[in-house]
Amino acid sequence: MRYFVAVAEELHFGRAAARLHMSQPPLSRAIKALETDVGAALFRRSSAGVALTPVGEVLLDEARALLDHADRVRVRVTAAAGAAAITVGMLADSTDPGATRLAAAYSRRHPDVEVHIRETDLTDPTCGLHAGLVDVALTRGPFDKTGLTTHELRADPVGALLRADDPLARRDSLALADLADRRWFLFPAGTDPVWQSYWNGGEPREGPVVRGVQECRQAVLWNGTVGMTPMGHESPAGLTAVPLIDMPPSRVVAAWKEDDTNPLIRSFVQIATAAYRGSDGTP
């Protein structure tokens, strides 16, 4: 059923396989076996893509309800065993409305689960996950994913954060080459190199070392340093964000250790997926 729901939501076997962290052939075989068991086709496959059949649409509603009930059972059993707590790592200074919806929805779904929040600065994009300090991280990629599973919640375009009086701030858009001769903020030595490279536009840079969002903004404001920011965030007074046309998006993800079977994590990711799509996570 989880395989079927993944394909039904992605409407693409390759993307569903990637989401399930498996190869495509066994996923296709599992769907074929399910169709044989149901006695009807669940998907229409064509050169244009994959679409649900009427039978598939009915099964999708039932499958979501069934899986949600199964997750609730597992969480209640976990709670009865005295383990009804989860530690969530988050990047500091997060005012994301998706996270706000997630908190409300998770509280409604699991009122007896105690949620501990651990905020980290920008030097640790896994928010303590690699160090074993949290169960699940609500963060941004890219970063070293060795031993971790990630699930993308949203992709945000990225812009250059500049002082409002910077000549480039008047542009409608910029390319990374427009900023090649500028000083950029850097993270301290030992910071995940994948993360550092992304926020430096893939090139070695020079500039002040910062640890948090406010330090990044202040480096721009006081020194004219180039900062990077997801678009859609309101810029502080004196600063402005200009879209970058050749910068890959910043992806908001949930991350957890790949061998962790804690049902509270599975439920967290499910609810987060709905919350970041703008719903409240209620099936």
Protein backbone atom coordinates (compact mmCIF):
# COMPACT_ATOMS: atom_id res chain seq x y z
CA MET A 1 0.00 0.00 0.00
CA ARG A 2 2.87 2.39 0.76
CA TYR A 3 4.34 1.62 -2.65
CA PHE A 4 0.97 2.26 -4.31
CA VAL A 5 0.45 5.58 -2.50
CA ALA A 6 3.94 6.75 -3.49
CA VAL A 7 3.28 6.04 -7.18
CA ALA A 8 -0.21 7.56 -6.97
CA GLU A 9 1.12 10.78 -5.45
CA GLU A 10 4.15 11.10 -7.71
CA LEU A 11 2.43 9.75 -10.87
CA HIS A 12 5.90 8.65 -11.93
CA PHE A 13 7.50 5.29 -11.17
CA GLY A 14 11.04 6.67 -11.17
CA ARG A 15 10.26 9.47 -8.71
CA ALA A 16 8.26 7.08 -6.52
CA ALA A 17 11.16 4.62 -6.45
CA ALA A 18 13.55 7.39 -5.44
CA ARG A 19 11.13 8.51 -2.72
CA LEU A 20 10.95 4.93 -1.42
CA HIS A 21 14.73 4.50 -1.69
CA MET A 22 14.45 1.46 -3.93
CA SER A 23 15.03 0.60 -7.57
CA GLN A 24 12.19 0.83 -10.10
CA PRO A 25 11.84 -2.86 -11.19
CA PRO A 26 10.74 -4.25 -7.80
CA LEU A 27 8.37 -1.31 -7.40
CA SER A 28 6.78 -2.05 -10.77
CA ARG A 29 6.46 -5.73 -9.83
CA ALA A 30 4.83 -4.84 -6.52
CA ILE A 31 2.25 -2.65 -8.26
CA LYS A 32 1.53 -5.38 -10.81
CA ALA A 33 1.02 -7.86 -7.95
CA LEU A 34 -1.35 -5.43 -6.24
CA GLU A 35 -3.34 -4.98 -9.46
CA THR A 36 -3.58 -8.77 -9.79
CA ASP A 37 -4.80 -9.01 -6.20
CA VAL A 38 -7.36 -6.24 -6.70
CA GLY A 39 -8.42 -7.64 -10.05
CA ALA A 40 -8.27 -4.33 -11.90
CA ALA A 41 -5.77 -1.87 -13.32
CA LEU A 42 -4.82 0.91 -10.89
CA PHE A 43 -2.85 3.07 -13.33
CA ARG A 44 -3.09 4.04 -16.96
CA ARG A 45 0.39 3.94 -18.46
CA SER A 46 1.09 5.81 -21.68
CA SER A 47 3.80 7.81 -23.40
CA ALA A 48 2.28 10.89 -21.75
CA GLY A 49 2.91 9.48 -18.27
CA VAL A 50 1.02 7.69 -15.51
CA ALA A 51 -2.55 8.42 -14.37
CA LEU A 52 -4.86 6.81 -11.84
CA THR A 53 -7.78 4.76 -13.09
CA PRO A 54 -11.18 5.18 -11.35
CA VAL A 55 -10.36 2.04 -9.34
CA GLY A 56 -7.00 3.53 -8.43
CA GLU A 57 -8.63 6.73 -7.20
CA VAL A 58 -10.90 4.77 -4.88
CA LEU A 59 -8.02 2.65 -3.61
CA LEU A 60 -5.90 5.75 -2.96
CA ASP A 61 -8.45 7.13 -0.50
CA GLU A 62 -8.72 3.77 1.24
CA ALA A 63 -4.95 3.21 1.26
CA ARG A 64 -4.25 6.59 2.84
CA ALA A 65 -6.82 5.91 5.56
CA LEU A 66 -5.42 2.41 6.14
CA LEU A 67 -1.81 3.60 6.38
CA ASP A 68 -2.78 6.47 8.63
CA HIS A 69 -4.56 4.05 10.96
CA ALA A 70 -1.54 1.74 10.94
CA ASP A 71 0.75 4.63 11.88
CA ARG A 72 -1.61 5.67 14.67
CA VAL A 73 -1.55 2.12 16.06
CA ARG A 74 2.24 2.06 16.02
CA VAL A 75 2.44 5.45 17.74
CA ARG A 76 -0.05 4.38 20.43
CA VAL A 77 1.92 1.20 21.05
CA THR A 78 5.12 3.25 21.27
CA ALA A 79 3.43 5.61 23.73
CA ALA A 80 2.22 2.69 25.83
CA ALA A 81 5.81 1.45 25.98
CA GLY A 82 6.84 4.77 27.51
CA ALA A 83 8.70 6.18 24.52
CA ALA A 84 6.23 8.88 23.48
CA ALA A 85 8.78 11.61 22.80
CA ILE A 86 10.61 12.85 19.73
CA THR A 87 13.47 15.33 19.35
CA VAL A 88 13.29 17.54 16.24
CA GLY A 89 16.33 19.46 15.02
CA MET A 90 15.71 22.79 13.30
CA LEU A 91 17.87 25.55 11.89
CA ALA A 92 17.65 28.61 14.13
CA ASP A 93 15.69 31.69 13.08
CA SER A 94 13.10 29.65 11.20
CA THR A 95 9.76 31.41 10.70
CA ASP A 96 8.61 29.13 7.91
CA PRO A 97 4.78 28.93 7.78
CA GLY A 98 5.12 25.28 6.77
CA ALA A 99 6.84 24.56 10.10
CA THR A 100 4.06 26.42 11.92
CA ARG A 101 1.39 24.29 10.22
CA LEU A 102 3.44 21.17 10.96
CA ALA A 103 3.64 21.96 14.68
CA ALA A 104 -0.11 22.47 14.92
CA ALA A 105 -0.95 19.36 12.88
CA TYR A 106 1.48 17.12 14.75
CA SER A 107 0.12 18.29 18.09
CA ARG A 108 -3.44 17.52 16.99
CA ARG A 109 -2.50 14.09 15.65
CA HIS A 110 -0.32 13.11 18.62
CA PRO A 111 -1.42 15.09 21.69
CA ASP A 112 0.34 12.65 24.04
CA VAL A 113 3.73 12.85 22.32
CA GLU A 114 6.23 15.25 23.84
CA VAL A 115 8.20 17.11 21.15
CA HIS A 116 11.63 18.48 22.03
CA ILE A 117 13.08 21.10 19.70
CA ARG A 118 16.83 21.52 19.27
CA GLU A 119 17.85 24.61 17.33
CA THR A 120 21.25 24.77 15.66
CA ASP A 121 23.14 27.46 13.81
CA LEU A 122 24.12 27.30 10.14
CA THR A 123 27.30 25.33 10.79
CA ASP A 124 25.33 22.06 11.18
CA PRO A 125 22.72 21.56 8.46
CA THR A 126 21.74 18.16 9.93
CA CYS A 127 20.78 19.93 13.18
CA GLY A 128 22.51 17.31 15.31
CA LEU A 129 21.33 14.28 13.33
CA HIS A 130 24.80 12.96 12.44
CA ALA A 131 25.81 13.42 16.08
CA GLY A 132 22.78 11.46 17.32
CA LEU A 133 21.34 14.45 19.17
CA VAL A 134 17.96 14.47 17.38
CA ASP A 135 15.54 11.91 15.93
CA VAL A 136 14.58 13.89 12.85
CA ALA A 137 15.74 17.17 11.32
CA LEU A 138 13.65 19.82 9.60
CA THR A 139 16.29 21.60 7.58
CA ARG A 140 17.63 22.61 4.18
CA GLY A 141 19.90 20.76 1.78
CA PRO A 142 22.28 20.02 0.35
CA PHE A 143 24.51 18.34 2.94
CA ASP A 144 26.36 15.08 3.50
CA LYS A 145 23.60 12.45 3.50
CA THR A 146 25.78 9.47 4.41
CA GLY A 147 23.68 7.13 6.55
CA LEU A 148 20.64 9.42 6.30
CA THR A 149 17.30 9.37 4.52
CA THR A 150 15.82 12.65 3.30
CA HIS A 151 12.38 13.59 2.04
CA GLU A 152 11.93 16.84 0.12
CA LEU A 153 9.14 19.07 1.39
CA ARG A 154 9.59 22.15 -0.79
CA ALA A 155 12.07 23.79 -3.18
CA ASP A 156 12.68 27.54 -2.78
CA PRO A 157 14.37 29.77 -5.38
CA VAL A 158 17.46 31.50 -4.06
CA GLY A 159 18.58 35.11 -4.34
CA ALA A 160 21.51 37.32 -3.47
CA LEU A 161 21.01 39.34 -0.29
CA LEU A 162 22.45 42.81 -0.83
CA ARG A 163 22.41 46.19 0.83
CA ALA A 164 19.51 48.26 -0.47
CA ASP A 165 21.96 50.93 -1.75
CA ASP A 166 24.06 48.40 -3.67
CA PRO A 167 23.95 49.16 -7.45
CA LEU A 168 23.10 45.49 -8.14
CA ALA A 169 20.09 45.71 -5.82
CA ARG A 170 18.22 47.59 -8.56
CA ARG A 171 18.46 44.63 -10.96
CA ASP A 172 15.48 42.33 -11.59
CA SER A 173 17.77 39.29 -11.50
CA LEU A 174 21.42 38.37 -11.25
CA ALA A 175 23.78 35.60 -12.31
CA LEU A 176 26.52 34.21 -10.09
CA ALA A 177 29.09 35.76 -12.44
CA ASP A 178 27.76 39.21 -11.51
CA LEU A 179 28.97 38.56 -7.95
CA ALA A 180 32.33 36.97 -8.75
CA ASP A 181 34.43 39.88 -7.48
CA ARG A 182 32.48 40.34 -4.22
CA ARG A 183 33.24 39.12 -0.72
CA TRP A 184 30.88 36.38 0.47
CA PHE A 185 30.17 35.17 3.97
CA LEU A 186 31.87 31.91 4.98
CA PHE A 187 31.09 29.26 7.56
CA PRO A 188 33.69 28.13 10.15
CA ALA A 189 36.27 25.45 9.38
CA GLY A 190 34.80 21.97 9.74
CA THR A 191 31.38 22.92 8.35
CA ASP A 192 29.89 20.36 5.96
CA PRO A 193 31.71 21.09 2.66
CA VAL A 194 28.64 20.26 0.54
CA TRP A 195 26.62 22.84 2.48
CA GLN A 196 29.42 25.44 2.38
CA SER A 197 29.88 25.02 -1.37
CA TYR A 198 26.18 25.46 -2.07
CA TRP A 199 25.89 28.73 -0.15
CA ASN A 200 29.04 29.99 -1.88
CA GLY A 201 27.66 29.35 -5.35
CA GLY A 202 29.99 26.41 -5.97
CA GLU A 203 33.18 28.51 -5.91
CA PRO A 204 35.92 29.25 -3.34
CA ARG A 205 35.18 32.62 -1.73
CA GLU A 206 36.70 35.10 0.67
CA GLY A 207 34.87 37.02 3.35
CA PRO A 208 33.85 37.15 7.02
CA VAL A 209 33.06 33.96 8.96
CA VAL A 210 29.50 33.73 10.28
CA ARG A 211 27.51 31.12 12.19
CA GLY A 212 23.87 32.22 12.10
CA VAL A 213 21.25 33.94 9.97
CA GLN A 214 21.48 37.22 11.85
CA GLU A 215 25.27 37.26 11.50
CA CYS A 216 24.87 36.73 7.74
CA ARG A 217 22.48 39.67 7.51
CA GLN A 218 24.68 41.90 9.61
CA ALA A 219 27.73 41.02 7.48
CA VAL A 220 25.80 42.24 4.44
CA LEU A 221 24.51 45.35 6.18
CA TRP A 222 27.80 46.45 7.75
CA ASN A 223 30.36 45.21 5.21
CA GLY A 224 28.48 44.94 1.91
CA THR A 225 29.19 41.20 1.91
CA VAL A 226 27.17 39.06 -0.49
CA GLY A 227 24.68 36.87 1.33
CA MET A 228 22.45 34.13 -0.03
CA THR A 229 18.83 33.76 0.97
CA PRO A 230 15.77 31.74 -0.02
CA MET A 231 13.40 34.03 -1.90
CA GLY A 232 10.05 34.68 -0.26
CA HIS A 233 11.55 35.59 3.09
CA GLU A 234 10.97 39.21 4.01
CA SER A 235 14.24 41.14 3.86
CA PRO A 236 15.20 43.19 6.94
CA ALA A 237 15.34 46.99 6.72
CA GLY A 238 18.27 48.16 4.63
CA LEU A 239 18.59 44.88 2.71
CA THR A 240 17.01 43.48 -0.45
CA ALA A 241 17.04 40.10 -2.19
CA VAL A 242 17.55 39.76 -5.95
CA PRO A 243 16.74 36.41 -7.64
CA LEU A 244 19.68 34.40 -9.00
CA ILE A 245 18.93 32.83 -12.36
CA ASP A 246 21.64 30.14 -12.24
CA MET A 247 21.47 29.04 -8.61
CA PRO A 248 19.74 25.70 -7.89
CA PRO A 249 16.83 25.96 -5.44
CA SER A 250 17.21 25.53 -1.71
CA ARG A 251 15.35 22.37 -0.76
CA VAL A 252 13.51 22.11 2.55
CA VAL A 253 13.78 18.52 3.74
CA ALA A 254 12.99 16.20 6.58
CA ALA A 255 15.97 13.97 7.38
CA TRP A 256 16.48 10.99 9.67
CA LYS A 257 18.86 8.07 10.10
CA GLU A 258 18.18 5.50 7.41
CA ASP A 259 18.03 2.58 9.85
CA ASP A 260 15.68 4.31 12.34
CA THR A 261 12.24 2.65 12.38
CA ASN A 262 10.71 4.87 15.07
CA PRO A 263 7.00 5.22 14.10
CA LEU A 264 6.99 8.78 15.46
CA ILE A 265 9.46 9.73 12.73
CA ARG A 266 7.37 8.13 9.98
CA SER A 267 4.32 10.00 11.21
CA PHE A 268 6.32 13.24 11.48
CA VAL A 269 7.40 12.99 7.84
CA GLN A 270 3.88 12.16 6.68
CA ILE A 271 2.39 15.15 8.50
CA ALA A 272 5.24 17.41 7.36
CA THR A 273 4.58 16.48 3.73
CA ALA A 274 0.95 17.58 4.05
CA ALA A 275 1.84 20.72 6.04
CA TYR A 276 4.33 21.94 3.47
CA ARG A 277 1.78 21.40 0.74
CA GLY A 278 -0.44 23.85 2.58
CA SER A 279 -2.87 21.45 4.27
CA ASP A 280 -3.18 20.58 7.95
CA GLY A 281 -2.11 16.95 7.60
CA THR A 282 -5.56 15.53 8.29
CA PRO A 283 -6.27 12.54 6.02
